[in-house]
C-alpha atoms as a PDB file:
ATOM      1  CA  MET A   1      -0.084  -0.025  -0.065  1.00  0.00           C
ATOM      2  CA  ARG A   2       2.786   2.466   0.762  1.00  0.00           C
ATOM      3  CA  LEU A   3       4.176   2.125  -2.736  1.00  0.00           C
ATOM      4  CA  ALA A   4       0.732   2.799  -4.017  1.00  0.00           C
ATOM      5  CA  PHE A   5       0.630   5.829  -1.837  1.00  0.00           C
ATOM      6  CA  LEU A   6       3.986   7.101  -3.121  1.00  0.00           C
ATOM      7  CA  ALA A   7       3.054   6.506  -6.753  1.00  0.00           C
ATOM      8  CA  LEU A   8      -0.244   8.475  -6.421  1.00  0.00           C
ATOM      9  CA  CYS A   9       1.651  11.203  -4.675  1.00  0.00           C
ATOM     10  CA  LEU A  10       3.938  11.612  -7.483  1.00  0.00           C
ATOM     11  CA  VAL A  11       1.301  11.640  -9.958  1.00  0.00           C
ATOM     12  CA  ALA A  12      -0.523  14.430  -7.694  1.00  0.00           C
ATOM     13  CA  ALA A  13       2.885  16.506  -7.679  1.00  0.00           C
ATOM     14  CA  GLN A  14       3.118  16.374 -11.485  1.00  0.00           C
ATOM     15  CA  VAL A  15      -0.667  17.293 -12.363  1.00  0.00           C
ATOM     16  CA  GLY A  16      -1.959  19.076  -9.398  1.00  0.00           C
ATOM     17  CA  ALA A  17      -4.586  18.295  -7.127  1.00  0.00           C
ATOM     18  CA  ALA A  18      -8.057  18.120  -8.526  1.00  0.00           C
ATOM     19  CA  GLU A  19     -11.653  17.705  -7.485  1.00  0.00           C
ATOM     20  CA  ILE A  20     -13.604  14.539  -9.309  1.00  0.00           C
ATOM     21  CA  ALA A  21     -17.298  13.952  -9.098  1.00  0.00           C
ATOM     22  CA  VAL A  22     -18.771  10.382  -8.551  1.00  0.00           C
ATOM     23  CA  MET A  23     -21.956   8.822  -9.010  1.00  0.00           C
ATOM     24  CA  SER A  24     -22.155   5.432  -7.275  1.00  0.00           C
ATOM     25  CA  SER A  25     -24.422   2.792  -6.578  1.00  0.00           C
ATOM     26  CA  PRO A  26     -24.519   2.231  -2.647  1.00  0.00           C
ATOM     27  CA  ALA A  27     -23.716  -1.504  -2.963  1.00  0.00           C
ATOM     28  CA  ILE A  28     -20.159  -0.478  -2.678  1.00  0.00           C
ATOM     29  CA  ARG A  29     -20.419   2.069   0.095  1.00  0.00           C
ATOM     30  CA  GLU A  30     -18.671   0.549   2.970  1.00  0.00           C
ATOM     31  CA  ALA A  31     -15.837  -0.419   1.214  1.00  0.00           C
ATOM     32  CA  TYR A  32     -15.510   2.668  -0.884  1.00  0.00           C
ATOM     33  CA  LEU A  33     -15.993   4.916   2.243  1.00  0.00           C
ATOM     34  CA  GLU A  34     -12.692   3.190   3.896  1.00  0.00           C
ATOM     35  CA  LEU A  35     -10.627   3.140   0.814  1.00  0.00           C
ATOM     36  CA  VAL A  36     -11.246   6.658  -0.671  1.00  0.00           C
ATOM     37  CA  PRO A  37      -9.815   8.783   2.059  1.00  0.00           C
ATOM     38  CA  GLN A  38      -6.725   6.596   1.479  1.00  0.00           C
ATOM     39  CA  PHE A  39      -6.828   7.728  -2.311  1.00  0.00           C
ATOM     40  CA  GLU A  40      -7.432  11.343  -1.044  1.00  0.00           C
ATOM     41  CA  LYS A  41      -4.475  11.239   1.102  1.00  0.00           C
ATOM     42  CA  ALA A  42      -2.269   9.934  -1.057  1.00  0.00           C
ATOM     43  CA  SER A  43      -3.170  11.821  -4.312  1.00  0.00           C
ATOM     44  CA  ARG A  44      -4.284  15.049  -2.741  1.00  0.00           C
ATOM     45  CA  HIS A  45      -7.294  14.846  -4.877  1.00  0.00           C
ATOM     46  CA  LYS A  46     -10.658  15.482  -3.570  1.00  0.00           C
ATOM     47  CA  VAL A  47     -13.399  13.055  -4.228  1.00  0.00           C
ATOM     48  CA  VAL A  48     -17.298  14.114  -4.015  1.00  0.00           C
ATOM     49  CA  THR A  49     -19.703  11.300  -4.051  1.00  0.00           C
ATOM     50  CA  SER A  50     -23.425  11.033  -4.859  1.00  0.00           C
ATOM     51  CA  TRP A  51     -24.924   7.641  -3.584  1.00  0.00           C
ATOM     52  CA  VAL A  52     -27.675   6.814  -5.950  1.00  0.00           C
ATOM     53  CA  GLY A  53     -30.065   3.637  -6.648  1.00  0.00           C
ATOM     54  CA  THR A  54     -29.398   2.108  -9.939  1.00  0.00           C
ATOM     55  CA  ALA A  55     -32.625   3.176 -11.537  1.00  0.00           C
ATOM     56  CA  ASP A  56     -32.003   6.938 -10.761  1.00  0.00           C
ATOM     57  CA  ILE A  57     -28.397   6.509 -11.935  1.00  0.00           C
ATOM     58  CA  MET A  58     -29.558   5.451 -15.468  1.00  0.00           C
ATOM     59  CA  LYS A  59     -32.075   7.968 -15.364  1.00  0.00           C
ATOM     60  CA  ARG A  60     -30.081  10.895 -14.389  1.00  0.00           C
ATOM     61  CA  ILE A  61     -27.186  10.032 -16.703  1.00  0.00           C
ATOM     62  CA  ARG A  62     -29.315   9.310 -19.569  1.00  0.00           C
ATOM     63  CA  ALA A  63     -30.806  12.801 -18.884  1.00  0.00           C
ATOM     64  CA  GLY A  64     -27.635  14.505 -19.640  1.00  0.00           C
ATOM     65  CA  GLU A  65     -26.214  14.459 -16.004  1.00  0.00           C
ATOM     66  CA  THR A  66     -22.392  14.871 -16.209  1.00  0.00           C
ATOM     67  CA  VAL A  67     -19.774  13.524 -13.520  1.00  0.00           C
ATOM     68  CA  ASP A  68     -16.252  12.136 -13.992  1.00  0.00           C
ATOM     69  CA  LEU A  69     -16.773   8.513 -12.530  1.00  0.00           C
ATOM     70  CA  VAL A  70     -19.880   6.258 -12.743  1.00  0.00           C
ATOM     71  CA  ILE A  71     -20.058   3.105 -10.677  1.00  0.00           C
ATOM     72  CA  VAL A  72     -22.961   0.657 -11.045  1.00  0.00           C
ATOM     73  CA  ALA A  73     -23.891  -2.920 -11.805  1.00  0.00           C
ATOM     74  CA  ALA A  74     -22.010  -3.950 -14.965  1.00  0.00           C
ATOM     75  CA  ASN A  75     -25.198  -4.588 -17.034  1.00  0.00           C
ATOM     76  CA  SER A  76     -26.257  -1.048 -16.388  1.00  0.00           C
ATOM     77  CA  ARG A  77     -22.697  -0.028 -17.176  1.00  0.00           C
ATOM     78  CA  ASP A  78     -22.730  -1.380 -20.570  1.00  0.00           C
ATOM     79  CA  GLU A  79     -26.094   0.150 -21.583  1.00  0.00           C
ATOM     80  CA  LEU A  80     -24.429   3.465 -20.741  1.00  0.00           C
ATOM     81  CA  ILE A  81     -21.560   2.702 -22.959  1.00  0.00           C
ATOM     82  CA  LYS A  82     -23.731   1.631 -25.839  1.00  0.00           C
ATOM     83  CA  ALA A  83     -25.580   5.008 -25.327  1.00  0.00           C
ATOM     84  CA  GLY A  84     -22.162   6.820 -25.644  1.00  0.00           C
ATOM     85  CA  LYS A  85     -22.442   8.163 -22.061  1.00  0.00           C
ATOM     86  CA  VAL A  86     -19.562   6.093 -20.514  1.00  0.00           C
ATOM     87  CA  VAL A  87     -16.276   5.471 -22.202  1.00  0.00           C
ATOM     88  CA  SER A  88     -14.820   2.677 -20.254  1.00  0.00           C
ATOM     89  CA  ARG A  89     -15.584  -0.267 -18.061  1.00  0.00           C
ATOM     90  CA  VAL A  90     -13.297  -1.902 -15.319  1.00  0.00           C
ATOM     91  CA  ASP A  91     -15.071  -4.564 -12.712  1.00  0.00           C
ATOM     92  CA  LEU A  92     -14.409  -3.435  -9.286  1.00  0.00           C
ATOM     93  CA  VAL A  93     -16.268  -5.747  -7.135  1.00  0.00           C
ATOM     94  CA  LYS A  94     -18.469  -9.099  -6.867  1.00  0.00           C
ATOM     95  CA  SER A  95     -21.142  -8.948  -4.776  1.00  0.00           C
ATOM     96  CA  GLY A  96     -23.938 -11.660  -3.921  1.00  0.00           C
ATOM     97  CA  VAL A  97     -27.626 -11.326  -2.441  1.00  0.00           C
ATOM     98  CA  GLY A  98     -27.913 -11.552   1.303  1.00  0.00           C
ATOM     99  CA  VAL A  99     -30.822 -12.273   3.664  1.00  0.00           C
ATOM    100  CA  ALA A 100     -31.641 -10.292   6.788  1.00  0.00           C
ATOM    101  CA  VAL A 101     -34.395 -10.210   9.744  1.00  0.00           C
ATOM    102  CA  ARG A 102     -34.776  -7.667  12.484  1.00  0.00           C
ATOM    103  CA  LYS A 103     -32.460  -7.725  15.430  1.00  0.00           C
ATOM    104  CA  GLY A 104     -33.383 -10.600  17.756  1.00  0.00           C
ATOM    105  CA  ALA A 105     -35.848 -12.105  15.558  1.00  0.00           C
ATOM    106  CA  PRO A 106     -35.777 -15.933  14.682  1.00  0.00           C
ATOM    107  CA  LYS A 107     -33.524 -16.752  11.854  1.00  0.00           C
ATOM    108  CA  PRO A 108     -35.398 -18.606   9.012  1.00  0.00           C
ATOM    109  CA  ASP A 109     -33.640 -21.666   7.551  1.00  0.00           C
ATOM    110  CA  ILE A 110     -32.245 -20.641   4.168  1.00  0.00           C
ATOM    111  CA  SER A 111     -29.971 -23.725   3.678  1.00  0.00           C
ATOM    112  CA  SER A 112     -31.599 -24.422   0.150  1.00  0.00           C
ATOM    113  CA  GLY A 113     -33.825 -22.742  -2.334  1.00  0.00           C
ATOM    114  CA  GLU A 114     -36.600 -25.095  -0.938  1.00  0.00           C
ATOM    115  CA  ALA A 115     -36.045 -23.881   2.404  1.00  0.00           C
ATOM    116  CA  LEU A 116     -35.954 -20.109   1.696  1.00  0.00           C
ATOM    117  CA  LYS A 117     -39.189 -21.058  -0.337  1.00  0.00           C
ATOM    118  CA  ARG A 118     -40.985 -22.125   2.864  1.00  0.00           C
ATOM    119  CA  ALA A 119     -39.744 -19.374   4.892  1.00  0.00           C
ATOM    120  CA  LEU A 120     -40.961 -16.891   2.351  1.00  0.00           C
ATOM    121  CA  LEU A 121     -44.499 -18.359   2.340  1.00  0.00           C
ATOM    122  CA  SER A 122     -44.741 -18.406   6.236  1.00  0.00           C
ATOM    123  CA  ALA A 123     -43.255 -14.760   6.231  1.00  0.00           C
ATOM    124  CA  LYS A 124     -45.805 -11.967   6.964  1.00  0.00           C
ATOM    125  CA  SER A 125     -43.826  -9.416   4.885  1.00  0.00           C
ATOM    126  CA  ILE A 126     -40.882  -9.121   2.570  1.00  0.00           C
ATOM    127  CA  ALA A 127     -38.717  -6.524   1.423  1.00  0.00           C
ATOM    128  CA  TYR A 128     -36.286  -6.339  -1.332  1.00  0.00           C
ATOM    129  CA  SER A 129     -34.640  -3.233  -3.164  1.00  0.00           C
ATOM    130  CA  SER A 130     -35.315  -1.590  -6.698  1.00  0.00           C
ATOM    131  CA  GLY A 131     -31.829  -2.315  -7.621  1.00  0.00           C
ATOM    132  CA  PRO A 132     -30.152  -5.458  -9.222  1.00  0.00           C
ATOM    133  CA  SER A 133     -30.971  -7.821  -6.254  1.00  0.00           C
ATOM    134  CA  GLY A 134     -34.695  -6.806  -6.262  1.00  0.00           C
ATOM    135  CA  LEU A 135     -35.131  -7.362  -9.864  1.00  0.00           C
ATOM    136  CA  TYR A 136     -33.377 -10.624  -9.521  1.00  0.00           C
ATOM    137  CA  LEU A 137     -35.972 -11.618  -6.562  1.00  0.00           C
ATOM    138  CA  ALA A 138     -38.581 -10.788  -8.416  1.00  0.00           C
ATOM    139  CA  SER A 139     -37.976 -13.090 -11.236  1.00  0.00           C
ATOM    140  CA  LEU A 140     -36.777 -15.759  -8.553  1.00  0.00           C
ATOM    141  CA  PHE A 141     -40.392 -15.815  -7.060  1.00  0.00           C
ATOM    142  CA  GLN A 142     -41.709 -16.362 -10.397  1.00  0.00           C
ATOM    143  CA  ARG A 143     -39.526 -19.256 -11.193  1.00  0.00           C
ATOM    144  CA  MET A 144     -40.216 -20.741  -7.700  1.00  0.00           C
ATOM    145  CA  GLY A 145     -44.022 -20.392  -8.572  1.00  0.00           C
ATOM    146  CA  ILE A 146     -44.856 -18.330  -5.781  1.00  0.00           C
ATOM    147  CA  ALA A 147     -44.922 -14.611  -7.077  1.00  0.00           C
ATOM    148  CA  ASP A 148     -48.649 -14.366  -6.945  1.00  0.00           C
ATOM    149  CA  GLU A 149     -48.886 -15.562  -3.344  1.00  0.00           C
ATOM    150  CA  LEU A 150     -45.996 -13.263  -2.113  1.00  0.00           C
ATOM    151  CA  LYS A 151     -47.432 -10.425  -3.884  1.00  0.00           C
ATOM    152  CA  PRO A 152     -49.507  -8.969  -1.166  1.00  0.00           C
ATOM    153  CA  LYS A 153     -46.509  -9.400   1.092  1.00  0.00           C
ATOM    154  CA  ILE A 154     -43.730  -7.336  -1.057  1.00  0.00           C
ATOM    155  CA  VAL A 155     -42.424  -3.973   0.446  1.00  0.00           C
ATOM    156  CA  GLN A 156     -40.023  -2.811  -2.585  1.00  0.00           C
ATOM    157  CA  THR A 157     -37.784   0.121  -1.501  1.00  0.00           C
ATOM    158  CA  PRO A 158     -37.383   3.237  -3.441  1.00  0.00           C
ATOM    159  CA  PRO A 159     -33.849   3.389  -5.396  1.00  0.00           C
ATOM    160  CA  GLY A 160     -31.224   4.295  -2.941  1.00  0.00           C
ATOM    161  CA  VAL A 161     -33.106   3.125   0.124  1.00  0.00           C
ATOM    162  CA  ILE A 162     -31.513   0.540   2.265  1.00  0.00           C
ATOM    163  CA  VAL A 163     -33.592  -2.748   2.601  1.00  0.00           C
ATOM    164  CA  GLY A 164     -32.235  -3.104   6.315  1.00  0.00           C
ATOM    165  CA  GLU A 165     -33.758   0.136   7.405  1.00  0.00           C
ATOM    166  CA  VAL A 166     -36.899  -1.162   6.639  1.00  0.00           C
ATOM    167  CA  ILE A 167     -36.185  -4.381   8.595  1.00  0.00           C
ATOM    168  CA  ALA A 168     -34.977  -2.529  11.439  1.00  0.00           C
ATOM    169  CA  ARG A 169     -38.083  -0.520  11.743  1.00  0.00           C
ATOM    170  CA  GLY A 170     -40.253  -3.676  11.859  1.00  0.00           C
ATOM    171  CA  ASP A 171     -41.906  -2.783   8.278  1.00  0.00           C
ATOM    172  CA  ALA A 172     -40.996  -6.269   7.020  1.00  0.00           C
ATOM    173  CA  ASP A 173     -40.135  -9.770   8.468  1.00  0.00           C
ATOM    174  CA  ILE A 174     -37.470 -10.826   5.982  1.00  0.00           C
ATOM    175  CA  GLY A 175     -35.251  -8.770   3.660  1.00  0.00           C
ATOM    176  CA  PHE A 176     -32.840  -9.109   0.797  1.00  0.00           C
ATOM    177  CA  GLN A 177     -30.057  -6.971  -0.831  1.00  0.00           C
ATOM    178  CA  GLN A 178     -26.508  -7.181  -1.672  1.00  0.00           C
ATOM    179  CA  VAL A 179     -24.667  -8.577   0.989  1.00  0.00           C
ATOM    180  CA  SER A 180     -22.621  -5.540   1.624  1.00  0.00           C
ATOM    181  CA  GLU A 181     -25.619  -3.561   2.122  1.00  0.00           C
ATOM    182  CA  LEU A 182     -27.059  -5.445   4.908  1.00  0.00           C
ATOM    183  CA  LEU A 183     -23.813  -6.348   6.958  1.00  0.00           C
ATOM    184  CA  HIS A 184     -23.316  -3.094   8.624  1.00  0.00           C
ATOM    185  CA  VAL A 185     -26.980  -1.941   9.284  1.00  0.00           C
ATOM    186  CA  ALA A 186     -27.897  -1.340  12.913  1.00  0.00           C
ATOM    187  CA  GLY A 187     -31.128  -3.093  14.020  1.00  0.00           C
ATOM    188  CA  VAL A 188     -30.823  -6.234  11.929  1.00  0.00           C
ATOM    189  CA  ASP A 189     -29.242  -9.607  12.057  1.00  0.00           C
ATOM    190  CA  TYR A 190     -27.729 -10.762   8.910  1.00  0.00           C
ATOM    191  CA  VAL A 191     -28.762 -14.368   8.284  1.00  0.00           C
ATOM    192  CA  GLY A 192     -26.428 -15.052   5.416  1.00  0.00           C
ATOM    193  CA  PRO A 193     -26.098 -15.303   1.701  1.00  0.00           C
ATOM    194  CA  LEU A 194     -28.741 -16.742  -0.694  1.00  0.00           C
ATOM    195  CA  PRO A 195     -28.001 -20.528  -0.825  1.00  0.00           C
ATOM    196  CA  PRO A 196     -25.875 -21.640  -3.933  1.00  0.00           C
ATOM    197  CA  ASP A 197     -28.558 -23.042  -5.867  1.00  0.00           C
ATOM    198  CA  ILE A 198     -30.332 -19.794  -5.983  1.00  0.00           C
ATOM    199  CA  GLN A 199     -27.557 -17.291  -5.686  1.00  0.00           C
ATOM    200  CA  LEU A 200     -26.747 -14.182  -8.059  1.00  0.00           C
ATOM    201  CA  ILE A 201     -23.577 -12.602  -8.141  1.00  0.00           C
ATOM    202  CA  THR A 202     -23.505  -9.186  -9.471  1.00  0.00           C
ATOM    203  CA  VAL A 203     -20.427  -7.416 -10.742  1.00  0.00           C
ATOM    204  CA  PHE A 204     -20.138  -3.657 -10.025  1.00  0.00           C
ATOM    205  CA  SER A 205     -17.937  -1.611 -12.456  1.00  0.00           C
ATOM    206  CA  GLY A 206     -16.433   1.726 -12.777  1.00  0.00           C
ATOM    207  CA  GLY A 207     -16.460   3.665 -16.082  1.00  0.00           C
ATOM    208  CA  VAL A 208     -15.205   7.373 -17.048  1.00  0.00           C
ATOM    209  CA  HIS A 209     -18.134   9.529 -18.075  1.00  0.00           C
ATOM    210  CA  ALA A 210     -17.816  10.545 -21.627  1.00  0.00           C
ATOM    211  CA  GLY A 211     -17.991  14.166 -20.618  1.00  0.00           C
ATOM    212  CA  ALA A 212     -15.646  13.846 -17.662  1.00  0.00           C
ATOM    213  CA  LYS A 213     -13.853  17.058 -16.473  1.00  0.00           C
ATOM    214  CA  GLN A 214     -11.342  15.032 -14.979  1.00  0.00           C
ATOM    215  CA  PRO A 215     -11.045  11.818 -16.937  1.00  0.00           C
ATOM    216  CA  ALA A 216      -7.447  11.015 -15.942  1.00  0.00           C
ATOM    217  CA  VAL A 217      -7.834  11.279 -12.172  1.00  0.00           C
ATOM    218  CA  ALA A 218     -11.280   9.286 -12.473  1.00  0.00           C
ATOM    219  CA  ALA A 219      -9.225   6.639 -14.278  1.00  0.00           C
ATOM    220  CA  GLU A 220      -6.635   7.020 -11.397  1.00  0.00           C
ATOM    221  CA  LEU A 221      -9.382   6.296  -8.665  1.00  0.00           C
ATOM    222  CA  ILE A 222     -10.556   3.274 -10.601  1.00  0.00           C
ATOM    223  CA  GLN A 223      -7.174   1.603 -10.741  1.00  0.00           C
ATOM    224  CA  PHE A 224      -6.708   2.440  -6.990  1.00  0.00           C
ATOM    225  CA  LEU A 225     -10.110   0.631  -6.118  1.00  0.00           C
ATOM    226  CA  LYS A 226      -9.108  -2.237  -8.400  1.00  0.00           C
ATOM    227  CA  SER A 227      -5.497  -2.504  -6.810  1.00  0.00           C
ATOM    228  CA  PRO A 228      -4.568  -5.573  -4.618  1.00  0.00           C
ATOM    229  CA  ALA A 229      -4.049  -3.423  -1.841  1.00  0.00           C
ATOM    230  CA  ALA A 230      -7.633  -2.574  -1.795  1.00  0.00           C
ATOM    231  CA  ALA A 231      -8.780  -6.320  -1.809  1.00  0.00           C
ATOM    232  CA  PRO A 232      -8.651  -6.911   1.978  1.00  0.00           C
ATOM    233  CA  VAL A 233     -11.037  -3.953   2.664  1.00  0.00           C
ATOM    234  CA  ILE A 234     -13.382  -5.141  -0.037  1.00  0.00           C
ATOM    235  CA  ARG A 235     -13.734  -8.709   1.395  1.00  0.00           C
ATOM    236  CA  LYS A 236     -14.161  -7.371   4.766  1.00  0.00           C
ATOM    237  CA  LYS A 237     -17.508  -5.599   3.498  1.00  0.00           C
ATOM    238  CA  GLY A 238     -18.875  -8.649   2.301  1.00  0.00           C
ATOM    239  CA  MET A 239     -17.905  -8.355  -1.320  1.00  0.00           C
ATOM    240  CA  GLU A 240     -14.794  -9.926  -3.478  1.00  0.00           C
ATOM    241  CA  PRO A 241     -12.627  -8.104  -5.828  1.00  0.00           C
ATOM    242  CA  GLY A 242     -14.006  -8.108  -9.260  1.00  0.00           C
END
């Protein structure tokens, strides 16, 4: 990490400190909040970040909003590249879907798809996000043949709203979101990841905006988040390096 710091400092000394704007999915927030201050200290650049749900990222970027760096699920990133809004793609992290209940509540059996199905049918209310994990859960319930039965129980959070907060308030019995977004929410107990037979791994990628004012610094931040030195923090926060 020290060598990386020295390299960043050298670059900063050569090009001068800059401020970059980042629009990011909250899925990587916990790792990002630990890593970016290290980048800022080493490089002297300032990073200003907007935490935005996937649906709103797509809406705002398509509508013409300009930032330096966009971090979102890889499939959404590819759509922005095709639209000419983003000019690069670097995969940063891989994230699975996790399950949580209110703190102190009985933890359901989620050891298999069938066990989870039974837990869902017995739950009074179920929360999932408007992001990639929520879209996947909706399709999973269809494949399980229980979507119609579960429909009255579903609480879907607006873009950018953490499912764990809904669980903590008691507004749903069981909730699903990226593991990294559930692990650190006060008032919930993390049950575990979805079982392997129904798990979905989402890749979150960084891309430089086509209209970036600081494209070189944005690319520098991407490489820092992609570096081997960042991997332990990424794993500690419930994800795997991309």
